[in-house]
Structure formats: structure tokens, C-alpha cells
Amino acid sequence: MITKPFFLGYSPCPNDTFIFYALVHGKIDTGDLHFKEILLDVETLNQMALHAELDITKVSYHAFGYLREDYCLLRSGSAIGRGCGPLLVVREDYAINDLQWKKIAIPGRLTTAYLLFQLFSADFIHSLSFIEMPFHKMMEAVKNGVADAGLVIHEGRFTYSSYGLKRLVDLGEWWEDETGLPVPLGGILVKRNLGEDLIRRINSVVRRSVEYAFTHRDEPTYYMKQHSQELKDEVIEQHINLYVNDYSIDIGEDGVSAVKELMRRAEEKGIIKKSRDDFLCGM
């Protein structure tokens, strides 16, 4: 019988607290599986996964490119979709070529937002400088001139205009036009050394947690508001509608194709090293 809790990392963003609400609040039967939740911003989780500090964790798909030997991807819990990609926002009326020699605020070098920007700007990225900061501080930084542009993720997609900022590039739209695939933002990883049987059980409880949240839509609201950077009901609702969907229940064939294509392009550009292709947990 398993008694030791698994360290489960996910972000305080509404999509993650919505997904894991049932699992960590005893709303579903997890049998002898116990979990110790750790809520941190996704870039911190990315870094912790690089040091194998977490048994199960949400990570950016960019970070997953460096983790495929030690971790595999669960079928459930992913943030993948259409019309949900990161935005490059600016204060001034810049064109894309005006960004050369400018400072760009990013939510972390292992975020998928940064990887998508690297792929998008391959011809001129050498002329840019980057400032890393927590995602919820980026719009204020662009507004106040600390950065000339910022890569907006999460709730920022719905609130950037309230800071007087303008959208310059929708990187999700660019990705979809380029590939015809949904945008793979983040997924739930499990250490491979836990073994196939245990991984299968973990995936099952994550899936049931997502399904519970969908069928008890209002129940996770208090938990989401406890941790969200944005407390307005309409913003939280927009966030859930955009980032939690059928791909969160099961990644599906086109979700797998999207992750494979992201890895292929990053490998082709030399951003990540080629690694094992069996990245999806066997189940």
C-alpha cells in the first residue's frame, strides 16, 4: 500500500486550480494515492522539474523539451487549444521591425511563450534583449517603460488593454496558421521511474478530477479565487473557457501532433536537443 504522498506541482492560475480542485479536496476517490500540492508559477515549476524535485507537475511544453528522458506526459491535464496563444503587446505604435534592439519582457526562458517567440523571430532575435519577470508583473513593466514589449500569457490575454497596451502579434494565431494545429502550452508530467501501472492510475485520477470540475462548474470557484492574480468573475470564466477543454480530458491525436511539431521545430532550430520520441506515458 502506498502511504507516501506524491509531490504535485501546478500553478495558481485558474485553469490549474480548476483541474486539480477535486483531486486535492477529496471530491474523487484516489484510493491509496495521496498528493501534496505545491502551487507555484509555471516557470518555477519548470526549473524544479529540471532538478527532478517533483513527482508530478505542470510544466510548459518548452520545458518538456529538456525533460523527456526523466518524465513522460500524461494524457490528461494539458493546456492545449485554439485562440489561446501568448500575445506580444506594446505600449507604442511599433511595427515588428521596430523591436530590434529593444527590451522584451518574458515570463521565463523555459515558457512556451518564449519558445514560440524564438521560432517566430528567428531572423532577428539576436538583436533583442530580454527581461525575465513573473507574468503578472509584465504588463505594468511595459506600461511604465521598463520593457518595450511583453509576452503576455494567462489572464493577461484578457486584461492587457486595461493597461493601455496594444497587441502587436498573436503568437498562437501565427502557430495555427503555420501548422494547422492547436497551440500546445503546457502539460502534466510524471516521473518515468514511477512505473507504468502507477502512472496509469495517476492519469486516471487527474482525468476524473477534470471531469468532476466540468460537471460541478461552480464548485471550484472559491479555490480559484484564493490563488488567482485576477479576481473578476468574468476574467476567471474567460480563462477557464479558453484554457480548459476536451484536450484537458484527453490530449487526443491532434494534441499529440501539436506537441511533436513543437518539439521538431525546436530541435530543428537547435533550441533543444533531440531526445526520445515516446514522450507520452504508456497507458
C-alpha atoms as a PDB file:
ATOM      1  CA  MET A   1       0.000   0.000   0.000  1.00  0.00           C
ATOM      2  CA  ILE A   2       1.276   3.494  -0.937  1.00  0.00           C
ATOM      3  CA  THR A   3       1.414   5.870   2.029  1.00  0.00           C
ATOM      4  CA  LYS A   4       3.996   8.461   0.996  1.00  0.00           C
ATOM      5  CA  PRO A   5       2.336  11.434  -0.747  1.00  0.00           C
ATOM      6  CA  PHE A   6       3.374  12.375  -4.253  1.00  0.00           C
ATOM      7  CA  PHE A   7       4.592  15.951  -4.689  1.00  0.00           C
ATOM      8  CA  LEU A   8       2.207  17.524  -7.190  1.00  0.00           C
ATOM      9  CA  GLY A   9       3.130  20.902  -8.655  1.00  0.00           C
ATOM     10  CA  TYR A  10       0.771  23.206 -10.515  1.00  0.00           C
ATOM     11  CA  SER A  11       0.293  26.918 -10.986  1.00  0.00           C
ATOM     12  CA  PRO A  12      -2.139  29.194  -9.118  1.00  0.00           C
ATOM     13  CA  CYS A  13      -3.770  30.112 -12.436  1.00  0.00           C
ATOM     14  CA  PRO A  14      -7.499  29.345 -12.686  1.00  0.00           C
ATOM     15  CA  ASN A  15      -7.118  26.590 -15.267  1.00  0.00           C
ATOM     16  CA  ASP A  16      -4.823  24.561 -12.988  1.00  0.00           C
ATOM     17  CA  THR A  17      -6.747  25.138  -9.763  1.00  0.00           C
ATOM     18  CA  PHE A  18      -9.934  24.245 -11.655  1.00  0.00           C
ATOM     19  CA  ILE A  19      -8.373  20.995 -12.936  1.00  0.00           C
ATOM     20  CA  PHE A  20      -6.919  19.869  -9.605  1.00  0.00           C
ATOM     21  CA  TYR A  21      -9.659  21.104  -7.268  1.00  0.00           C
ATOM     22  CA  ALA A  22     -11.423  17.732  -6.981  1.00  0.00           C
ATOM     23  CA  LEU A  23      -8.193  15.773  -6.601  1.00  0.00           C
ATOM     24  CA  VAL A  24      -6.811  17.819  -3.688  1.00  0.00           C
ATOM     25  CA  HIS A  25     -10.149  18.372  -1.935  1.00  0.00           C
ATOM     26  CA  GLY A  26     -11.202  14.737  -1.671  1.00  0.00           C
ATOM     27  CA  LYS A  27     -14.011  15.061  -4.193  1.00  0.00           C
ATOM     28  CA  ILE A  28     -12.935  11.931  -6.063  1.00  0.00           C
ATOM     29  CA  ASP A  29     -11.714   8.573  -4.812  1.00  0.00           C
ATOM     30  CA  THR A  30      -7.922   8.369  -5.243  1.00  0.00           C
ATOM     31  CA  GLY A  31      -7.585   5.045  -3.435  1.00  0.00           C
ATOM     32  CA  ASP A  32      -4.216   4.749  -1.729  1.00  0.00           C
ATOM     33  CA  LEU A  33      -2.750   7.606  -3.788  1.00  0.00           C
ATOM     34  CA  HIS A  34      -2.048  10.740  -1.751  1.00  0.00           C
ATOM     35  CA  PHE A  35      -0.869  14.074  -3.068  1.00  0.00           C
ATOM     36  CA  LYS A  36       0.916  17.068  -1.570  1.00  0.00           C
ATOM     37  CA  GLU A  37       0.103  20.059  -3.752  1.00  0.00           C
ATOM     38  CA  ILE A  38       2.697  22.772  -4.410  1.00  0.00           C
ATOM     39  CA  LEU A  39       1.343  25.907  -6.092  1.00  0.00           C
ATOM     40  CA  LEU A  40       3.992  27.996  -7.845  1.00  0.00           C
ATOM     41  CA  ASP A  41       4.252  29.987 -11.056  1.00  0.00           C
ATOM     42  CA  VAL A  42       4.924  27.792 -14.074  1.00  0.00           C
ATOM     43  CA  GLU A  43       8.494  28.973 -14.652  1.00  0.00           C
ATOM     44  CA  THR A  44       9.423  27.985 -11.088  1.00  0.00           C
ATOM     45  CA  LEU A  45       7.803  24.590 -11.712  1.00  0.00           C
ATOM     46  CA  ASN A  46       9.787  24.295 -14.949  1.00  0.00           C
ATOM     47  CA  GLN A  47      13.018  24.865 -13.034  1.00  0.00           C
ATOM     48  CA  MET A  48      12.049  22.422 -10.269  1.00  0.00           C
ATOM     49  CA  ALA A  49      11.310  19.739 -12.852  1.00  0.00           C
ATOM     50  CA  LEU A  50      14.777  20.241 -14.353  1.00  0.00           C
ATOM     51  CA  HIS A  51      16.115  19.196 -10.946  1.00  0.00           C
ATOM     52  CA  ALA A  52      13.595  16.318 -10.689  1.00  0.00           C
ATOM     53  CA  GLU A  53      12.143  17.797  -7.481  1.00  0.00           C
ATOM     54  CA  LEU A  54       8.514  16.951  -8.251  1.00  0.00           C
ATOM     55  CA  ASP A  55       6.858  13.580  -8.861  1.00  0.00           C
ATOM     56  CA  ILE A  56       4.011  15.059 -10.907  1.00  0.00           C
ATOM     57  CA  THR A  57       3.995  18.597 -12.243  1.00  0.00           C
ATOM     58  CA  LYS A  58       2.537  21.062 -14.670  1.00  0.00           C
ATOM     59  CA  VAL A  59       5.235  22.390 -16.990  1.00  0.00           C
ATOM     60  CA  SER A  60       5.459  24.465 -20.117  1.00  0.00           C
ATOM     61  CA  TYR A  61       5.830  22.374 -23.255  1.00  0.00           C
ATOM     62  CA  HIS A  62       9.063  24.254 -23.919  1.00  0.00           C
ATOM     63  CA  ALA A  63      10.485  22.923 -20.650  1.00  0.00           C
ATOM     64  CA  PHE A  64       9.262  19.442 -21.562  1.00  0.00           C
ATOM     65  CA  GLY A  65      11.767  19.503 -24.413  1.00  0.00           C
ATOM     66  CA  TYR A  66      14.528  19.214 -21.785  1.00  0.00           C
ATOM     67  CA  LEU A  67      12.707  16.682 -19.594  1.00  0.00           C
ATOM     68  CA  ARG A  68      11.750  13.830 -21.918  1.00  0.00           C
ATOM     69  CA  GLU A  69      14.338  11.396 -20.574  1.00  0.00           C
ATOM     70  CA  ASP A  70      13.114  11.562 -16.966  1.00  0.00           C
ATOM     71  CA  TYR A  71       9.442  12.483 -17.332  1.00  0.00           C
ATOM     72  CA  CYS A  72       6.580  11.436 -19.590  1.00  0.00           C
ATOM     73  CA  LEU A  73       3.382  13.305 -20.435  1.00  0.00           C
ATOM     74  CA  LEU A  74       0.001  12.356 -19.009  1.00  0.00           C
ATOM     75  CA  ARG A  75      -2.898  12.166 -21.429  1.00  0.00           C
ATOM     76  CA  SER A  76      -4.971  14.361 -19.092  1.00  0.00           C
ATOM     77  CA  GLY A  77      -4.493  17.855 -17.696  1.00  0.00           C
ATOM     78  CA  SER A  78      -2.961  19.643 -20.681  1.00  0.00           C
ATOM     79  CA  ALA A  79      -3.477  23.259 -21.698  1.00  0.00           C
ATOM     80  CA  ILE A  80      -3.821  22.982 -25.470  1.00  0.00           C
ATOM     81  CA  GLY A  81      -6.248  24.811 -27.686  1.00  0.00           C
ATOM     82  CA  ARG A  82      -7.033  27.306 -30.402  1.00  0.00           C
ATOM     83  CA  GLY A  83      -7.170  31.043 -29.991  1.00  0.00           C
ATOM     84  CA  CYS A  84      -5.293  30.767 -26.707  1.00  0.00           C
ATOM     85  CA  GLY A  85      -1.668  31.523 -27.533  1.00  0.00           C
ATOM     86  CA  PRO A  86       0.608  34.169 -25.982  1.00  0.00           C
ATOM     87  CA  LEU A  87       0.420  37.758 -27.185  1.00  0.00           C
ATOM     88  CA  LEU A  88       3.251  40.178 -27.840  1.00  0.00           C
ATOM     89  CA  VAL A  89       1.994  43.520 -26.519  1.00  0.00           C
ATOM     90  CA  VAL A  90       3.485  47.011 -26.761  1.00  0.00           C
ATOM     91  CA  ARG A  91       2.867  50.485 -25.402  1.00  0.00           C
ATOM     92  CA  GLU A  92       3.913  52.425 -28.513  1.00  0.00           C
ATOM     93  CA  ASP A  93       2.689  52.009 -32.087  1.00  0.00           C
ATOM     94  CA  TYR A  94       5.538  49.692 -33.039  1.00  0.00           C
ATOM     95  CA  ALA A  95       5.791  47.528 -36.129  1.00  0.00           C
ATOM     96  CA  ILE A  96       7.527  44.202 -35.634  1.00  0.00           C
ATOM     97  CA  ASN A  97      10.775  45.511 -37.214  1.00  0.00           C
ATOM     98  CA  ASP A  98      10.832  48.376 -34.700  1.00  0.00           C
ATOM     99  CA  LEU A  99      11.549  45.880 -31.907  1.00  0.00           C
ATOM    100  CA  GLN A 100      15.163  45.356 -32.947  1.00  0.00           C
ATOM    101  CA  TRP A 101      17.494  46.481 -30.132  1.00  0.00           C
ATOM    102  CA  LYS A 102      14.511  46.770 -27.800  1.00  0.00           C
ATOM    103  CA  LYS A 103      13.840  45.130 -24.406  1.00  0.00           C
ATOM    104  CA  ILE A 104      11.232  42.383 -24.300  1.00  0.00           C
ATOM    105  CA  ALA A 105       9.694  41.224 -21.002  1.00  0.00           C
ATOM    106  CA  ILE A 106       9.192  37.446 -20.904  1.00  0.00           C
ATOM    107  CA  PRO A 107       7.600  35.177 -18.274  1.00  0.00           C
ATOM    108  CA  GLY A 108      10.635  32.853 -18.279  1.00  0.00           C
ATOM    109  CA  ARG A 109      13.098  31.293 -20.709  1.00  0.00           C
ATOM    110  CA  LEU A 110      11.502  27.854 -20.382  1.00  0.00           C
ATOM    111  CA  THR A 111       7.954  29.009 -21.072  1.00  0.00           C
ATOM    112  CA  THR A 112       6.220  28.003 -24.291  1.00  0.00           C
ATOM    113  CA  ALA A 113       5.571  31.701 -24.892  1.00  0.00           C
ATOM    114  CA  TYR A 114       9.310  32.288 -25.162  1.00  0.00           C
ATOM    115  CA  LEU A 115       9.810  29.232 -27.393  1.00  0.00           C
ATOM    116  CA  LEU A 116       7.050  30.359 -29.758  1.00  0.00           C
ATOM    117  CA  PHE A 117       8.636  33.806 -29.876  1.00  0.00           C
ATOM    118  CA  GLN A 118      12.035  32.256 -30.632  1.00  0.00           C
ATOM    119  CA  LEU A 119      10.518  30.315 -33.533  1.00  0.00           C
ATOM    120  CA  PHE A 120       8.608  33.364 -34.772  1.00  0.00           C
ATOM    121  CA  SER A 121      11.544  35.793 -34.548  1.00  0.00           C
ATOM    122  CA  ALA A 122      14.402  33.507 -35.631  1.00  0.00           C
ATOM    123  CA  ASP A 123      15.658  36.051 -38.186  1.00  0.00           C
ATOM    124  CA  PHE A 124      16.042  38.951 -35.754  1.00  0.00           C
ATOM    125  CA  ILE A 125      16.051  37.501 -32.225  1.00  0.00           C
ATOM    126  CA  HIS A 126      19.809  38.162 -31.960  1.00  0.00           C
ATOM    127  CA  SER A 127      19.068  41.901 -31.921  1.00  0.00           C
ATOM    128  CA  LEU A 128      16.734  41.746 -28.906  1.00  0.00           C
ATOM    129  CA  SER A 129      17.337  41.776 -25.162  1.00  0.00           C
ATOM    130  CA  PHE A 130      15.075  40.001 -22.697  1.00  0.00           C
ATOM    131  CA  ILE A 131      13.982  40.703 -19.138  1.00  0.00           C
ATOM    132  CA  GLU A 132      12.549  37.794 -17.144  1.00  0.00           C
ATOM    133  CA  MET A 133       9.827  38.523 -14.621  1.00  0.00           C
ATOM    134  CA  PRO A 134       6.668  36.935 -13.167  1.00  0.00           C
ATOM    135  CA  PHE A 135       3.898  37.021 -15.747  1.00  0.00           C
ATOM    136  CA  HIS A 136       1.595  39.161 -13.597  1.00  0.00           C
ATOM    137  CA  LYS A 137       4.197  41.975 -13.431  1.00  0.00           C
ATOM    138  CA  MET A 138       4.903  42.181 -17.143  1.00  0.00           C
ATOM    139  CA  MET A 139       2.076  44.457 -18.277  1.00  0.00           C
ATOM    140  CA  GLU A 140       2.918  47.036 -15.611  1.00  0.00           C
ATOM    141  CA  ALA A 141       6.561  46.852 -16.748  1.00  0.00           C
ATOM    142  CA  VAL A 142       5.606  47.573 -20.367  1.00  0.00           C
ATOM    143  CA  LYS A 143       3.183  50.307 -19.337  1.00  0.00           C
ATOM    144  CA  ASN A 144       5.891  52.029 -17.274  1.00  0.00           C
ATOM    145  CA  GLY A 145       8.622  51.692 -19.901  1.00  0.00           C
ATOM    146  CA  VAL A 146      10.748  49.155 -18.031  1.00  0.00           C
ATOM    147  CA  ALA A 147      10.326  46.995 -21.155  1.00  0.00           C
ATOM    148  CA  ASP A 148       9.388  47.988 -24.689  1.00  0.00           C
ATOM    149  CA  ALA A 149       7.214  44.927 -25.259  1.00  0.00           C
ATOM    150  CA  GLY A 150       5.996  41.930 -23.304  1.00  0.00           C
ATOM    151  CA  LEU A 151       4.955  38.332 -23.916  1.00  0.00           C
ATOM    152  CA  VAL A 152       1.549  38.137 -22.266  1.00  0.00           C
ATOM    153  CA  ILE A 153       0.156  34.801 -21.046  1.00  0.00           C
ATOM    154  CA  HIS A 154      -2.660  33.544 -18.794  1.00  0.00           C
ATOM    155  CA  GLU A 155      -5.155  36.187 -17.636  1.00  0.00           C
ATOM    156  CA  GLY A 156      -3.101  38.897 -19.328  1.00  0.00           C
ATOM    157  CA  ARG A 157      -4.684  37.896 -22.600  1.00  0.00           C
ATOM    158  CA  PHE A 158      -7.953  39.400 -21.352  1.00  0.00           C
ATOM    159  CA  THR A 159      -6.630  42.390 -19.387  1.00  0.00           C
ATOM    160  CA  TYR A 160      -3.693  43.903 -21.327  1.00  0.00           C
ATOM    161  CA  SER A 161      -5.827  46.645 -22.898  1.00  0.00           C
ATOM    162  CA  SER A 162      -6.723  47.960 -19.433  1.00  0.00           C
ATOM    163  CA  TYR A 163      -3.031  48.879 -19.086  1.00  0.00           C
ATOM    164  CA  GLY A 164      -3.186  50.929 -22.276  1.00  0.00           C
ATOM    165  CA  LEU A 165      -1.264  48.268 -24.209  1.00  0.00           C
ATOM    166  CA  LYS A 166      -1.775  47.113 -27.778  1.00  0.00           C
ATOM    167  CA  ARG A 167      -1.437  43.686 -29.345  1.00  0.00           C
ATOM    168  CA  LEU A 168       1.378  43.501 -31.879  1.00  0.00           C
ATOM    169  CA  VAL A 169       1.487  39.748 -32.578  1.00  0.00           C
ATOM    170  CA  ASP A 170      -0.752  36.850 -31.593  1.00  0.00           C
ATOM    171  CA  LEU A 171       1.767  34.005 -31.464  1.00  0.00           C
ATOM    172  CA  GLY A 172      -0.980  31.420 -31.130  1.00  0.00           C
ATOM    173  CA  GLU A 173      -2.598  32.663 -34.314  1.00  0.00           C
ATOM    174  CA  TRP A 174       0.813  32.568 -36.025  1.00  0.00           C
ATOM    175  CA  TRP A 175       1.364  28.961 -34.876  1.00  0.00           C
ATOM    176  CA  GLU A 176      -2.068  27.833 -36.041  1.00  0.00           C
ATOM    177  CA  ASP A 177      -1.576  29.471 -39.463  1.00  0.00           C
ATOM    178  CA  GLU A 178       1.876  27.861 -39.777  1.00  0.00           C
ATOM    179  CA  THR A 179       0.931  24.342 -38.701  1.00  0.00           C
ATOM    180  CA  GLY A 180      -2.848  23.974 -38.763  1.00  0.00           C
ATOM    181  CA  LEU A 181      -2.503  22.530 -35.256  1.00  0.00           C
ATOM    182  CA  PRO A 182      -3.738  23.698 -31.845  1.00  0.00           C
ATOM    183  CA  VAL A 183      -1.327  25.584 -29.598  1.00  0.00           C
ATOM    184  CA  PRO A 184       0.433  23.323 -27.054  1.00  0.00           C
ATOM    185  CA  LEU A 185       1.048  25.477 -23.991  1.00  0.00           C
ATOM    186  CA  GLY A 186       1.567  23.170 -21.006  1.00  0.00           C
ATOM    187  CA  GLY A 187       1.035  19.639 -19.795  1.00  0.00           C
ATOM    188  CA  ILE A 188       1.204  17.405 -16.736  1.00  0.00           C
ATOM    189  CA  LEU A 189       4.363  15.308 -16.416  1.00  0.00           C
ATOM    190  CA  VAL A 190       5.075  12.267 -14.270  1.00  0.00           C
ATOM    191  CA  LYS A 191       8.443  10.734 -13.431  1.00  0.00           C
ATOM    192  CA  ARG A 192       9.034   7.705 -15.636  1.00  0.00           C
ATOM    193  CA  ASN A 193      10.565   5.740 -12.763  1.00  0.00           C
ATOM    194  CA  LEU A 194       7.167   5.504 -11.036  1.00  0.00           C
ATOM    195  CA  GLY A 195       6.332   2.704 -13.464  1.00  0.00           C
ATOM    196  CA  GLU A 196       3.522   2.188 -15.971  1.00  0.00           C
ATOM    197  CA  ASP A 197       0.900   0.857 -13.567  1.00  0.00           C
ATOM    198  CA  LEU A 198       1.231   3.735 -11.131  1.00  0.00           C
ATOM    199  CA  ILE A 199       1.378   6.283 -13.933  1.00  0.00           C
ATOM    200  CA  ARG A 200      -1.826   4.841 -15.389  1.00  0.00           C
ATOM    201  CA  ARG A 201      -3.568   5.246 -12.026  1.00  0.00           C
ATOM    202  CA  ILE A 202      -2.311   8.804 -11.651  1.00  0.00           C
ATOM    203  CA  ASN A 203      -3.600   9.708 -15.112  1.00  0.00           C
ATOM    204  CA  SER A 204      -6.979   8.225 -14.188  1.00  0.00           C
ATOM    205  CA  VAL A 205      -7.369  10.405 -11.094  1.00  0.00           C
ATOM    206  CA  VAL A 206      -6.259  13.534 -12.969  1.00  0.00           C
ATOM    207  CA  ARG A 207      -8.814  12.810 -15.678  1.00  0.00           C
ATOM    208  CA  ARG A 208     -11.566  12.239 -13.122  1.00  0.00           C
ATOM    209  CA  SER A 209     -10.598  15.492 -11.397  1.00  0.00           C
ATOM    210  CA  VAL A 210     -11.028  17.391 -14.677  1.00  0.00           C
ATOM    211  CA  GLU A 211     -14.331  15.681 -15.368  1.00  0.00           C
ATOM    212  CA  TYR A 212     -15.582  16.469 -11.861  1.00  0.00           C
ATOM    213  CA  ALA A 213     -14.777  20.154 -12.343  1.00  0.00           C
ATOM    214  CA  PHE A 214     -16.693  20.211 -15.635  1.00  0.00           C
ATOM    215  CA  THR A 215     -19.773  18.627 -14.053  1.00  0.00           C
ATOM    216  CA  HIS A 216     -19.610  20.784 -10.893  1.00  0.00           C
ATOM    217  CA  ARG A 217     -18.655  24.004 -12.649  1.00  0.00           C
ATOM    218  CA  ASP A 218     -19.240  26.467  -9.809  1.00  0.00           C
ATOM    219  CA  GLU A 219     -17.753  24.371  -7.017  1.00  0.00           C
ATOM    220  CA  PRO A 220     -14.043  25.206  -7.612  1.00  0.00           C
ATOM    221  CA  THR A 221     -14.705  28.979  -7.741  1.00  0.00           C
ATOM    222  CA  TYR A 222     -13.631  29.787  -4.182  1.00  0.00           C
ATOM    223  CA  TYR A 223     -10.425  27.766  -4.579  1.00  0.00           C
ATOM    224  CA  MET A 224      -9.622  29.507  -7.875  1.00  0.00           C
ATOM    225  CA  LYS A 225     -10.185  32.952  -6.359  1.00  0.00           C
ATOM    226  CA  GLN A 226      -7.927  32.109  -3.409  1.00  0.00           C
ATOM    227  CA  HIS A 227      -4.970  31.841  -5.768  1.00  0.00           C
ATOM    228  CA  SER A 228      -5.728  33.807  -8.938  1.00  0.00           C
ATOM    229  CA  GLN A 229      -3.944  37.067  -9.760  1.00  0.00           C
ATOM    230  CA  GLU A 230      -7.218  38.285 -11.261  1.00  0.00           C
ATOM    231  CA  LEU A 231     -10.373  38.125  -9.121  1.00  0.00           C
ATOM    232  CA  LYS A 232     -13.023  39.359 -11.542  1.00  0.00           C
ATOM    233  CA  ASP A 233     -15.565  36.627 -12.188  1.00  0.00           C
ATOM    234  CA  GLU A 234     -15.756  37.341 -15.903  1.00  0.00           C
ATOM    235  CA  VAL A 235     -11.962  37.119 -16.346  1.00  0.00           C
ATOM    236  CA  ILE A 236     -11.761  33.827 -14.443  1.00  0.00           C
ATOM    237  CA  GLU A 237     -14.632  32.461 -16.525  1.00  0.00           C
ATOM    238  CA  GLN A 238     -12.917  33.533 -19.760  1.00  0.00           C
ATOM    239  CA  HIS A 239      -9.721  31.900 -18.543  1.00  0.00           C
ATOM    240  CA  ILE A 240     -11.423  28.548 -17.858  1.00  0.00           C
ATOM    241  CA  ASN A 241     -13.353  28.636 -21.136  1.00  0.00           C
ATOM    242  CA  LEU A 242     -10.157  29.216 -23.104  1.00  0.00           C
ATOM    243  CA  TYR A 243      -7.601  27.003 -21.381  1.00  0.00           C
ATOM    244  CA  VAL A 244      -9.653  24.037 -20.102  1.00  0.00           C
ATOM    245  CA  ASN A 245     -11.336  21.969 -22.808  1.00  0.00           C
ATOM    246  CA  ASP A 246     -11.534  18.488 -24.314  1.00  0.00           C
ATOM    247  CA  TYR A 247      -7.728  18.405 -24.618  1.00  0.00           C
ATOM    248  CA  SER A 248      -7.601  18.705 -20.831  1.00  0.00           C
ATOM    249  CA  ILE A 249      -9.606  15.490 -20.506  1.00  0.00           C
ATOM    250  CA  ASP A 250      -7.521  13.680 -23.123  1.00  0.00           C
ATOM    251  CA  ILE A 251      -4.793  15.137 -25.304  1.00  0.00           C
ATOM    252  CA  GLY A 252      -6.123  13.391 -28.430  1.00  0.00           C
ATOM    253  CA  GLU A 253      -4.336  12.773 -31.725  1.00  0.00           C
ATOM    254  CA  ASP A 254      -4.061  16.392 -32.843  1.00  0.00           C
ATOM    255  CA  GLY A 255      -2.831  17.390 -29.374  1.00  0.00           C
ATOM    256  CA  VAL A 256      -0.056  14.804 -29.635  1.00  0.00           C
ATOM    257  CA  SER A 257       0.715  16.046 -33.162  1.00  0.00           C
ATOM    258  CA  ALA A 258       0.951  19.619 -31.880  1.00  0.00           C
ATOM    259  CA  VAL A 259       3.457  18.671 -29.172  1.00  0.00           C
ATOM    260  CA  LYS A 260       5.504  16.622 -31.650  1.00  0.00           C
ATOM    261  CA  GLU A 261       5.598  19.511 -34.109  1.00  0.00           C
ATOM    262  CA  LEU A 262       6.665  21.970 -31.420  1.00  0.00           C
ATOM    263  CA  MET A 263       9.496  19.629 -30.387  1.00  0.00           C
ATOM    264  CA  ARG A 264      10.506  19.037 -34.016  1.00  0.00           C
ATOM    265  CA  ARG A 265      10.754  22.732 -34.801  1.00  0.00           C
ATOM    266  CA  ALA A 266      12.666  23.489 -31.598  1.00  0.00           C
ATOM    267  CA  GLU A 267      15.102  20.648 -32.360  1.00  0.00           C
ATOM    268  CA  GLU A 268      15.491  21.833 -35.944  1.00  0.00           C
ATOM    269  CA  LYS A 269      16.457  25.323 -34.741  1.00  0.00           C
ATOM    270  CA  GLY A 270      18.905  23.888 -32.201  1.00  0.00           C
ATOM    271  CA  ILE A 271      16.905  25.290 -29.280  1.00  0.00           C
ATOM    272  CA  ILE A 272      16.531  21.862 -27.655  1.00  0.00           C
ATOM    273  CA  LYS A 273      18.476  18.659 -28.232  1.00  0.00           C
ATOM    274  CA  LYS A 274      16.832  15.714 -29.950  1.00  0.00           C
ATOM    275  CA  SER A 275      15.508  13.299 -27.341  1.00  0.00           C
ATOM    276  CA  ARG A 276      13.210  10.310 -27.062  1.00  0.00           C
ATOM    277  CA  ASP A 277      10.019  10.413 -29.111  1.00  0.00           C
ATOM    278  CA  ASP A 278       7.961   8.243 -26.761  1.00  0.00           C
ATOM    279  CA  PHE A 279       7.080  11.284 -24.680  1.00  0.00           C
ATOM    280  CA  LEU A 280       3.501  10.211 -23.974  1.00  0.00           C
ATOM    281  CA  CYS A 281       3.182   7.984 -20.919  1.00  0.00           C
ATOM    282  CA  GLY A 282       2.379   4.420 -21.949  1.00  0.00           C
ATOM    283  CA  MET A 283      -1.163   3.628 -20.831  1.00  0.00           C
END
